[in-house]
Each structure stands twice: as C-alpha cells, then as structure tokens.
C-alpha cells in the first residue's frame, strides 16, 4: 500500500520506492505521454539483440503491403540462429514474415523483409537508424535487421522505448506482438504454427507485447508493454538477470505511481 500526505488530503497516493531491477539498463515509459517513470543507464549504447526487430517490423508495416508475395533470397534463406526456416526460392506473404520476425524472432524473416522493402539489408538499416532518430531516439545505429552480433550495432533502453511507443500505435503491430501463438498462413515451408518468445504474455495478465532478445554480448533483454485501467506502459530491460521479473516489477511500480 502507498502512504502519502496527499492521501490524507484527499489526493492520489504516490508510490516513490524504486523497483528492484537486475538489468544493467532499463526504462519505464508512459506510452501515452512519453513520460519516463524509471530509468537506469537509459541512454547508454548497448547491443540490443533481437529487440532490433521492433524497428525492422515498424518499417515493414509502414512501407509494405502485407499481401505482397516475397521471394526468399539465398542470403535470407541462409541466415541462421533463430529462424522460421525459410528456404531460398520460397514464396511468402510479407505479413507472414512480419509475424515470424516478431513472434518467433526469425532472423531470416528480417532479412527478407528488408530486401523486399528496400532492395538490400544494408540500405534498409540506414532507414532503421534514420527512423529511430526522426521519432526521438538518440543513440541507435543499426547494421543489421535482426540484432545478430555486430561491433557497431547498438541502441539504448530509451531509444527502444521510443520506437516501441511509435510501433504500438499501429494496430497490426500491436495485434501481432500480443499474440501468444500465430499461424503463418501463406508460406510453403514449416513451421506454420509458432509460439511467442515473450513468456510475460502467459505470466502477467496485463501484458500485451512486445519482443525478447538474447545474445552473449547483449545478455537477456526484453521490451515489454502492459495495459491496465486504460493506461499503457512500456518497459525495457537490457542485460538482465531476470528480464520477465524485472519487467513485471517495473509495471507494478508504474501502475502504482498514481492511484
């Protein structure tokens, strides 16, 4: 319970105790206003791992037609680690690629999205960096679409909150990242049924997105969204020992800030 002199005067209860967060960098943002409710090393450039895919998908939804047929290139089909197992020459709807990137964290899907939208992944990453800066990011520079290790590829907790706030305004993006499971309807290969990597969707009833990320350099990362009583918060934790627990504690802190 929050105790405050404001409460005795009939005003709102203010909770000031900071949440216990293990992440090296973190941000909690009010999605409506952009107000920062909590921060730790918020502007420190760090490897973002697969949270990069938020920016890739934002541009994919903005500039692509979800019904477009994409022919998978040799480069996209051979992109490894987390993937949806695309193969060169396969024909896939852009909407399925975006779902595969956000829900299953498909590295291969991100390359295919970039090549379809911009002609090459290299050119698309210039758009990613520019998009981040245009909407208020300060630290990001992207050298790939999926967050695979690159010594000059980085973002920050604050920048990731900013791009997520922008992305969640798009109904298609928001609907995709809150899905626990999804079906890739218009592809030739497998898998067709995929499960979201964001465990917070099962463990926290107010969670409605967004994206996990993990590499050795980045550690365990999570950009998460939750909505309670018509108030949406965005939490970012980078290099965390307990990314789901950190995010839950940030959300509860934020929702209790003003009651």
C-alpha atoms as a PDB file:
ATOM      1  CA  UNK A   1       0.000   0.000   0.000  1.00  0.00           C
ATOM      2  CA  UNK A   2       1.262   3.525  -0.811  1.00  0.00           C
ATOM      3  CA  UNK A   3       1.181   6.037   2.042  1.00  0.00           C
ATOM      4  CA  UNK A   4       1.378   9.717   1.257  1.00  0.00           C
ATOM      5  CA  UNK A   5       0.403  13.034   2.829  1.00  0.00           C
ATOM      6  CA  UNK A   6      -1.559  13.654  -0.368  1.00  0.00           C
ATOM      7  CA  UNK A   7      -3.794  10.734   0.554  1.00  0.00           C
ATOM      8  CA  UNK A   8      -4.681  12.375   3.875  1.00  0.00           C
ATOM      9  CA  UNK A   9      -5.719  15.484   1.989  1.00  0.00           C
ATOM     10  CA  UNK A  10      -7.920  13.510  -0.362  1.00  0.00           C
ATOM     11  CA  UNK A  11      -5.395  13.436  -3.196  1.00  0.00           C
ATOM     12  CA  UNK A  12      -3.813  10.474  -5.051  1.00  0.00           C
ATOM     13  CA  UNK A  13      -1.415   8.122  -3.333  1.00  0.00           C
ATOM     14  CA  UNK A  14       2.121   8.482  -4.671  1.00  0.00           C
ATOM     15  CA  UNK A  15       4.487   5.493  -4.595  1.00  0.00           C
ATOM     16  CA  UNK A  16       8.142   6.529  -4.516  1.00  0.00           C
ATOM     17  CA  UNK A  17      10.003   3.330  -3.628  1.00  0.00           C
ATOM     18  CA  UNK A  18      12.120   2.352  -6.616  1.00  0.00           C
ATOM     19  CA  UNK A  19      11.583  -1.131  -8.070  1.00  0.00           C
ATOM     20  CA  UNK A  20      14.264  -3.779  -7.682  1.00  0.00           C
ATOM     21  CA  UNK A  21      15.708  -4.281 -11.171  1.00  0.00           C
ATOM     22  CA  UNK A  22      18.662  -6.509 -12.088  1.00  0.00           C
ATOM     23  CA  UNK A  23      19.140  -5.105 -15.615  1.00  0.00           C
ATOM     24  CA  UNK A  24      22.208  -3.040 -16.443  1.00  0.00           C
ATOM     25  CA  UNK A  25      19.994  -0.594 -18.362  1.00  0.00           C
ATOM     26  CA  UNK A  26      16.260  -0.026 -18.042  1.00  0.00           C
ATOM     27  CA  UNK A  27      13.439   2.379 -18.824  1.00  0.00           C
ATOM     28  CA  UNK A  28       9.777   2.578 -17.886  1.00  0.00           C
ATOM     29  CA  UNK A  29       7.742   4.890 -20.117  1.00  0.00           C
ATOM     30  CA  UNK A  30       4.128   6.045 -20.130  1.00  0.00           C
ATOM     31  CA  UNK A  31       3.037   5.149 -23.664  1.00  0.00           C
ATOM     32  CA  UNK A  32       0.514   7.970 -23.950  1.00  0.00           C
ATOM     33  CA  UNK A  33       2.674  10.861 -22.816  1.00  0.00           C
ATOM     34  CA  UNK A  34       6.202   9.575 -23.302  1.00  0.00           C
ATOM     35  CA  UNK A  35       6.980  10.448 -19.681  1.00  0.00           C
ATOM     36  CA  UNK A  36       9.829   8.446 -18.135  1.00  0.00           C
ATOM     37  CA  UNK A  37       8.776   6.877 -14.823  1.00  0.00           C
ATOM     38  CA  UNK A  38      12.007   4.983 -14.137  1.00  0.00           C
ATOM     39  CA  UNK A  39      15.413   4.861 -15.781  1.00  0.00           C
ATOM     40  CA  UNK A  40      18.831   3.333 -15.345  1.00  0.00           C
ATOM     41  CA  UNK A  41      21.615   3.987 -17.851  1.00  0.00           C
ATOM     42  CA  UNK A  42      18.777   4.852 -20.217  1.00  0.00           C
ATOM     43  CA  UNK A  43      20.895   6.429 -22.954  1.00  0.00           C
ATOM     44  CA  UNK A  44      23.883   4.093 -22.750  1.00  0.00           C
ATOM     45  CA  UNK A  45      24.514   2.496 -26.187  1.00  0.00           C
ATOM     46  CA  UNK A  46      24.264  -1.274 -25.846  1.00  0.00           C
ATOM     47  CA  UNK A  47      23.832  -4.286 -28.139  1.00  0.00           C
ATOM     48  CA  UNK A  48      20.040  -4.732 -28.402  1.00  0.00           C
ATOM     49  CA  UNK A  49      19.939  -8.325 -29.718  1.00  0.00           C
ATOM     50  CA  UNK A  50      16.556  -9.250 -31.227  1.00  0.00           C
ATOM     51  CA  UNK A  51      14.760  -6.212 -29.828  1.00  0.00           C
ATOM     52  CA  UNK A  52      16.194  -4.731 -33.053  1.00  0.00           C
ATOM     53  CA  UNK A  53      13.298  -6.454 -34.813  1.00  0.00           C
ATOM     54  CA  UNK A  54      10.868  -3.900 -33.410  1.00  0.00           C
ATOM     55  CA  UNK A  55      12.413  -1.283 -35.709  1.00  0.00           C
ATOM     56  CA  UNK A  56      12.513  -3.698 -38.660  1.00  0.00           C
ATOM     57  CA  UNK A  57       8.844  -4.557 -38.236  1.00  0.00           C
ATOM     58  CA  UNK A  58       7.826  -0.929 -37.719  1.00  0.00           C
ATOM     59  CA  UNK A  59       9.254  -0.060 -41.140  1.00  0.00           C
ATOM     60  CA  UNK A  60       7.832  -3.232 -42.656  1.00  0.00           C
ATOM     61  CA  UNK A  61       4.304  -2.341 -41.569  1.00  0.00           C
ATOM     62  CA  UNK A  62       4.788   1.289 -42.577  1.00  0.00           C
ATOM     63  CA  UNK A  63       6.149   0.782 -46.090  1.00  0.00           C
ATOM     64  CA  UNK A  64       4.974  -2.694 -47.094  1.00  0.00           C
ATOM     65  CA  UNK A  65       1.752  -4.324 -48.201  1.00  0.00           C
ATOM     66  CA  UNK A  66       1.006  -7.331 -46.002  1.00  0.00           C
ATOM     67  CA  UNK A  67      -0.334  -9.247 -49.010  1.00  0.00           C
ATOM     68  CA  UNK A  68       2.845  -8.778 -51.050  1.00  0.00           C
ATOM     69  CA  UNK A  69       4.500 -12.012 -52.132  1.00  0.00           C
ATOM     70  CA  UNK A  70       8.170 -12.124 -51.192  1.00  0.00           C
ATOM     71  CA  UNK A  71      10.610 -14.480 -52.907  1.00  0.00           C
ATOM     72  CA  UNK A  72      13.211 -15.563 -50.369  1.00  0.00           C
ATOM     73  CA  UNK A  73      16.786 -14.847 -51.429  1.00  0.00           C
ATOM     74  CA  UNK A  74      19.848 -17.005 -50.869  1.00  0.00           C
ATOM     75  CA  UNK A  75      21.027 -14.579 -48.187  1.00  0.00           C
ATOM     76  CA  UNK A  76      17.717 -14.579 -46.299  1.00  0.00           C
ATOM     77  CA  UNK A  77      17.321 -18.346 -46.602  1.00  0.00           C
ATOM     78  CA  UNK A  78      20.795 -18.982 -45.200  1.00  0.00           C
ATOM     79  CA  UNK A  79      20.510 -16.607 -42.210  1.00  0.00           C
ATOM     80  CA  UNK A  80      20.862 -18.762 -39.135  1.00  0.00           C
ATOM     81  CA  UNK A  81      20.287 -18.999 -35.394  1.00  0.00           C
ATOM     82  CA  UNK A  82      16.682 -18.058 -34.502  1.00  0.00           C
ATOM     83  CA  UNK A  83      14.667 -18.544 -37.680  1.00  0.00           C
ATOM     84  CA  UNK A  84      11.401 -19.628 -39.231  1.00  0.00           C
ATOM     85  CA  UNK A  85      13.352 -21.940 -41.548  1.00  0.00           C
ATOM     86  CA  UNK A  86      12.865 -20.042 -44.790  1.00  0.00           C
ATOM     87  CA  UNK A  87      14.472 -21.586 -47.844  1.00  0.00           C
ATOM     88  CA  UNK A  88      15.791 -19.828 -50.977  1.00  0.00           C
ATOM     89  CA  UNK A  89      13.130 -19.502 -53.650  1.00  0.00           C
ATOM     90  CA  UNK A  90      10.229 -19.945 -51.232  1.00  0.00           C
ATOM     91  CA  UNK A  91       7.347 -17.516 -51.712  1.00  0.00           C
ATOM     92  CA  UNK A  92       5.985 -15.987 -48.503  1.00  0.00           C
ATOM     93  CA  UNK A  93       3.497 -13.203 -47.806  1.00  0.00           C
ATOM     94  CA  UNK A  94       5.070 -10.135 -46.220  1.00  0.00           C
ATOM     95  CA  UNK A  95       2.527 -10.347 -43.395  1.00  0.00           C
ATOM     96  CA  UNK A  96       3.772 -13.827 -42.519  1.00  0.00           C
ATOM     97  CA  UNK A  97       7.374 -12.598 -42.492  1.00  0.00           C
ATOM     98  CA  UNK A  98       6.478  -9.804 -40.079  1.00  0.00           C
ATOM     99  CA  UNK A  99       4.645 -12.271 -37.843  1.00  0.00           C
ATOM    100  CA  UNK A 100       7.585 -14.664 -37.975  1.00  0.00           C
ATOM    101  CA  UNK A 101      10.000 -11.877 -37.057  1.00  0.00           C
ATOM    102  CA  UNK A 102       8.014 -10.592 -34.092  1.00  0.00           C
ATOM    103  CA  UNK A 103       6.517 -13.800 -32.675  1.00  0.00           C
ATOM    104  CA  UNK A 104       9.160 -16.440 -33.444  1.00  0.00           C
ATOM    105  CA  UNK A 105      12.092 -13.963 -33.671  1.00  0.00           C
ATOM    106  CA  UNK A 106      13.038 -15.114 -37.163  1.00  0.00           C
ATOM    107  CA  UNK A 107      16.398 -13.654 -38.213  1.00  0.00           C
ATOM    108  CA  UNK A 108      15.810 -14.934 -41.731  1.00  0.00           C
ATOM    109  CA  UNK A 109      12.413 -13.230 -41.907  1.00  0.00           C
ATOM    110  CA  UNK A 110      14.003  -9.872 -41.048  1.00  0.00           C
ATOM    111  CA  UNK A 111      16.474 -10.105 -43.930  1.00  0.00           C
ATOM    112  CA  UNK A 112      13.660 -10.999 -46.326  1.00  0.00           C
ATOM    113  CA  UNK A 113      11.564  -8.044 -45.107  1.00  0.00           C
ATOM    114  CA  UNK A 114      14.467  -5.644 -45.637  1.00  0.00           C
ATOM    115  CA  UNK A 115      15.286  -6.934 -49.108  1.00  0.00           C
ATOM    116  CA  UNK A 116      11.663  -6.668 -50.171  1.00  0.00           C
ATOM    117  CA  UNK A 117      11.135  -3.148 -48.812  1.00  0.00           C
ATOM    118  CA  UNK A 118      14.482  -1.526 -49.588  1.00  0.00           C
ATOM    119  CA  UNK A 119      16.250  -3.819 -52.068  1.00  0.00           C
ATOM    120  CA  UNK A 120      19.018  -4.797 -49.651  1.00  0.00           C
ATOM    121  CA  UNK A 121      19.512  -5.275 -45.938  1.00  0.00           C
ATOM    122  CA  UNK A 122      22.363  -2.755 -45.956  1.00  0.00           C
ATOM    123  CA  UNK A 123      20.179   0.025 -47.358  1.00  0.00           C
ATOM    124  CA  UNK A 124      17.288  -0.895 -45.071  1.00  0.00           C
ATOM    125  CA  UNK A 125      19.480  -0.462 -41.982  1.00  0.00           C
ATOM    126  CA  UNK A 126      20.076   3.163 -42.974  1.00  0.00           C
ATOM    127  CA  UNK A 127      16.301   3.639 -42.853  1.00  0.00           C
ATOM    128  CA  UNK A 128      16.232   1.969 -39.426  1.00  0.00           C
ATOM    129  CA  UNK A 129      18.779   4.367 -37.970  1.00  0.00           C
ATOM    130  CA  UNK A 130      17.073   7.365 -39.581  1.00  0.00           C
ATOM    131  CA  UNK A 131      13.638   6.266 -38.342  1.00  0.00           C
ATOM    132  CA  UNK A 132      14.902   5.940 -34.791  1.00  0.00           C
ATOM    133  CA  UNK A 133      16.382   9.435 -34.841  1.00  0.00           C
ATOM    134  CA  UNK A 134      13.354  11.037 -36.511  1.00  0.00           C
ATOM    135  CA  UNK A 135      10.969   9.828 -33.804  1.00  0.00           C
ATOM    136  CA  UNK A 136      13.215  10.879 -30.926  1.00  0.00           C
ATOM    137  CA  UNK A 137      15.912   8.234 -30.469  1.00  0.00           C
ATOM    138  CA  UNK A 138      19.376   9.472 -29.584  1.00  0.00           C
ATOM    139  CA  UNK A 139      21.858   6.611 -29.514  1.00  0.00           C
ATOM    140  CA  UNK A 140      20.896   3.958 -32.058  1.00  0.00           C
ATOM    141  CA  UNK A 141      22.791   2.852 -35.099  1.00  0.00           C
ATOM    142  CA  UNK A 142      21.815  -0.328 -36.869  1.00  0.00           C
ATOM    143  CA  UNK A 143      23.975  -2.522 -39.083  1.00  0.00           C
ATOM    144  CA  UNK A 144      21.574  -5.447 -39.470  1.00  0.00           C
ATOM    145  CA  UNK A 145      17.851  -6.074 -39.208  1.00  0.00           C
ATOM    146  CA  UNK A 146      17.781  -8.792 -36.569  1.00  0.00           C
ATOM    147  CA  UNK A 147      20.292  -7.953 -33.842  1.00  0.00           C
ATOM    148  CA  UNK A 148      22.883 -10.609 -34.637  1.00  0.00           C
ATOM    149  CA  UNK A 149      26.258  -9.578 -33.146  1.00  0.00           C
ATOM    150  CA  UNK A 150      27.996  -6.640 -34.822  1.00  0.00           C
ATOM    151  CA  UNK A 151      30.531  -4.408 -33.068  1.00  0.00           C
ATOM    152  CA  UNK A 152      28.907  -1.187 -34.293  1.00  0.00           C
ATOM    153  CA  UNK A 153      25.254  -2.235 -33.944  1.00  0.00           C
ATOM    154  CA  UNK A 154      23.662  -0.718 -30.855  1.00  0.00           C
ATOM    155  CA  UNK A 155      20.674   1.003 -29.340  1.00  0.00           C
ATOM    156  CA  UNK A 156      19.655   2.121 -25.836  1.00  0.00           C
ATOM    157  CA  UNK A 157      16.854   1.417 -23.400  1.00  0.00           C
ATOM    158  CA  UNK A 158      15.406   4.864 -24.081  1.00  0.00           C
ATOM    159  CA  UNK A 159      15.556   4.534 -27.876  1.00  0.00           C
ATOM    160  CA  UNK A 160      13.890   1.132 -27.772  1.00  0.00           C
ATOM    161  CA  UNK A 161      11.075   2.556 -25.648  1.00  0.00           C
ATOM    162  CA  UNK A 162      10.632   5.410 -28.131  1.00  0.00           C
ATOM    163  CA  UNK A 163      10.414   3.156 -31.204  1.00  0.00           C
ATOM    164  CA  UNK A 164       8.116   0.743 -29.370  1.00  0.00           C
ATOM    165  CA  UNK A 165       5.797   3.585 -28.424  1.00  0.00           C
ATOM    166  CA  UNK A 166       5.609   4.517 -32.111  1.00  0.00           C
ATOM    167  CA  UNK A 167       5.168   0.912 -33.260  1.00  0.00           C
ATOM    168  CA  UNK A 168       2.379   0.142 -30.774  1.00  0.00           C
ATOM    169  CA  UNK A 169       0.299   2.915 -32.332  1.00  0.00           C
ATOM    170  CA  UNK A 170      -0.039   0.671 -35.400  1.00  0.00           C
ATOM    171  CA  UNK A 171      -2.913  -1.764 -34.846  1.00  0.00           C
ATOM    172  CA  UNK A 172      -1.277  -4.507 -36.966  1.00  0.00           C
ATOM    173  CA  UNK A 173       1.933  -4.335 -34.961  1.00  0.00           C
ATOM    174  CA  UNK A 174       0.115  -4.275 -31.615  1.00  0.00           C
ATOM    175  CA  UNK A 175      -2.074  -7.232 -32.593  1.00  0.00           C
ATOM    176  CA  UNK A 176       0.951  -9.277 -33.652  1.00  0.00           C
ATOM    177  CA  UNK A 177       3.086  -8.756 -30.551  1.00  0.00           C
ATOM    178  CA  UNK A 178       0.259  -9.546 -28.116  1.00  0.00           C
ATOM    179  CA  UNK A 179      -0.417 -12.924 -29.783  1.00  0.00           C
ATOM    180  CA  UNK A 180       0.715 -15.895 -27.734  1.00  0.00           C
ATOM    181  CA  UNK A 181       0.602 -18.073 -30.817  1.00  0.00           C
ATOM    182  CA  UNK A 182       0.257 -17.351 -34.515  1.00  0.00           C
ATOM    183  CA  UNK A 183      -0.269 -19.138 -37.802  1.00  0.00           C
ATOM    184  CA  UNK A 184       1.808 -18.449 -40.898  1.00  0.00           C
ATOM    185  CA  UNK A 185      -0.973 -18.918 -43.429  1.00  0.00           C
ATOM    186  CA  UNK A 186       0.737 -18.131 -46.704  1.00  0.00           C
ATOM    187  CA  UNK A 187       4.035 -19.951 -46.790  1.00  0.00           C
ATOM    188  CA  UNK A 188       5.173 -23.180 -48.382  1.00  0.00           C
ATOM    189  CA  UNK A 189       7.563 -24.416 -45.693  1.00  0.00           C
ATOM    190  CA  UNK A 190       7.399 -25.159 -41.976  1.00  0.00           C
ATOM    191  CA  UNK A 191       6.738 -24.244 -39.243  1.00  0.00           C
ATOM    192  CA  UNK A 192       3.293 -22.802 -39.816  1.00  0.00           C
ATOM    193  CA  UNK A 193       2.257 -22.697 -36.145  1.00  0.00           C
ATOM    194  CA  UNK A 194       4.577 -20.592 -33.991  1.00  0.00           C
ATOM    195  CA  UNK A 195       4.720 -19.615 -30.310  1.00  0.00           C
ATOM    196  CA  UNK A 196       5.670 -16.208 -28.939  1.00  0.00           C
ATOM    197  CA  UNK A 197       9.048 -16.000 -27.206  1.00  0.00           C
ATOM    198  CA  UNK A 198       7.682 -13.455 -24.691  1.00  0.00           C
ATOM    199  CA  UNK A 199       6.789 -15.506 -21.599  1.00  0.00           C
ATOM    200  CA  UNK A 200       5.313 -12.423 -19.927  1.00  0.00           C
ATOM    201  CA  UNK A 201       2.217 -12.890 -22.104  1.00  0.00           C
ATOM    202  CA  UNK A 202       1.413 -16.003 -20.059  1.00  0.00           C
ATOM    203  CA  UNK A 203       2.561 -14.899 -16.611  1.00  0.00           C
ATOM    204  CA  UNK A 204       1.271 -11.310 -16.347  1.00  0.00           C
ATOM    205  CA  UNK A 205      -2.399 -10.666 -17.136  1.00  0.00           C
ATOM    206  CA  UNK A 206      -1.891  -7.069 -18.292  1.00  0.00           C
ATOM    207  CA  UNK A 207       0.969  -7.830 -20.707  1.00  0.00           C
ATOM    208  CA  UNK A 208       0.307  -7.107 -24.398  1.00  0.00           C
ATOM    209  CA  UNK A 209       3.735  -7.274 -26.087  1.00  0.00           C
ATOM    210  CA  UNK A 210       6.477  -6.790 -27.264  1.00  0.00           C
ATOM    211  CA  UNK A 211       9.846  -8.526 -28.000  1.00  0.00           C
ATOM    212  CA  UNK A 212      12.595 -10.583 -26.392  1.00  0.00           C
ATOM    213  CA  UNK A 213      16.269 -10.551 -27.316  1.00  0.00           C
ATOM    214  CA  UNK A 214      19.282 -12.607 -26.292  1.00  0.00           C
ATOM    215  CA  UNK A 215      22.912 -12.766 -27.350  1.00  0.00           C
ATOM    216  CA  UNK A 216      26.100 -13.306 -25.370  1.00  0.00           C
ATOM    217  CA  UNK A 217      27.060  -9.631 -25.667  1.00  0.00           C
ATOM    218  CA  UNK A 218      23.568  -8.223 -25.053  1.00  0.00           C
ATOM    219  CA  UNK A 219      22.560 -10.668 -22.341  1.00  0.00           C
ATOM    220  CA  UNK A 220      18.853 -11.309 -21.747  1.00  0.00           C
ATOM    221  CA  UNK A 221      16.785  -8.361 -22.983  1.00  0.00           C
ATOM    222  CA  UNK A 222      13.089  -7.582 -23.119  1.00  0.00           C
ATOM    223  CA  UNK A 223      10.963  -4.760 -24.415  1.00  0.00           C
ATOM    224  CA  UNK A 224       7.511  -5.232 -22.898  1.00  0.00           C
ATOM    225  CA  UNK A 225       4.151  -3.493 -22.925  1.00  0.00           C
ATOM    226  CA  UNK A 226       1.285  -3.738 -20.452  1.00  0.00           C
ATOM    227  CA  UNK A 227      -2.095  -2.017 -20.225  1.00  0.00           C
ATOM    228  CA  UNK A 228      -4.136  -1.625 -17.042  1.00  0.00           C
ATOM    229  CA  UNK A 229      -7.124   0.644 -16.445  1.00  0.00           C
ATOM    230  CA  UNK A 230      -6.619   2.169 -19.908  1.00  0.00           C
ATOM    231  CA  UNK A 231      -3.050   3.146 -19.092  1.00  0.00           C
ATOM    232  CA  UNK A 232      -0.279   1.622 -21.188  1.00  0.00           C
ATOM    233  CA  UNK A 233       3.320   1.352 -20.024  1.00  0.00           C
ATOM    234  CA  UNK A 234       6.437   0.296 -21.916  1.00  0.00           C
ATOM    235  CA  UNK A 235       9.295  -1.361 -20.039  1.00  0.00           C
ATOM    236  CA  UNK A 236      12.763  -2.009 -21.448  1.00  0.00           C
ATOM    237  CA  UNK A 237      15.393  -4.104 -19.653  1.00  0.00           C
ATOM    238  CA  UNK A 238      18.802  -4.808 -21.205  1.00  0.00           C
ATOM    239  CA  UNK A 239      21.368  -7.319 -19.951  1.00  0.00           C
ATOM    240  CA  UNK A 240      19.060  -8.555 -17.204  1.00  0.00           C
ATOM    241  CA  UNK A 241      19.414 -11.463 -14.803  1.00  0.00           C
ATOM    242  CA  UNK A 242      15.610 -11.714 -14.599  1.00  0.00           C
ATOM    243  CA  UNK A 243      14.083  -9.961 -17.595  1.00  0.00           C
ATOM    244  CA  UNK A 244      10.488 -11.085 -17.029  1.00  0.00           C
ATOM    245  CA  UNK A 245      10.627 -10.423 -13.289  1.00  0.00           C
ATOM    246  CA  UNK A 246      12.293  -7.047 -13.858  1.00  0.00           C
ATOM    247  CA  UNK A 247       9.592  -6.040 -16.316  1.00  0.00           C
ATOM    248  CA  UNK A 248       6.783  -7.169 -14.025  1.00  0.00           C
ATOM    249  CA  UNK A 249       8.240  -5.164 -11.124  1.00  0.00           C
ATOM    250  CA  UNK A 250       8.589  -2.099 -13.346  1.00  0.00           C
ATOM    251  CA  UNK A 251       4.970  -2.384 -14.464  1.00  0.00           C
ATOM    252  CA  UNK A 252       3.640  -2.743 -10.939  1.00  0.00           C
ATOM    253  CA  UNK A 253       5.743   0.227  -9.851  1.00  0.00           C
ATOM    254  CA  UNK A 254       4.399   2.302 -12.741  1.00  0.00           C
ATOM    255  CA  UNK A 255       0.765   1.367 -12.305  1.00  0.00           C
ATOM    256  CA  UNK A 256       1.022   2.190  -8.596  1.00  0.00           C
ATOM    257  CA  UNK A 257       2.774   5.511  -9.109  1.00  0.00           C
ATOM    258  CA  UNK A 258      -0.508   7.382  -9.155  1.00  0.00           C
ATOM    259  CA  UNK A 259      -3.623   5.710  -7.741  1.00  0.00           C
END
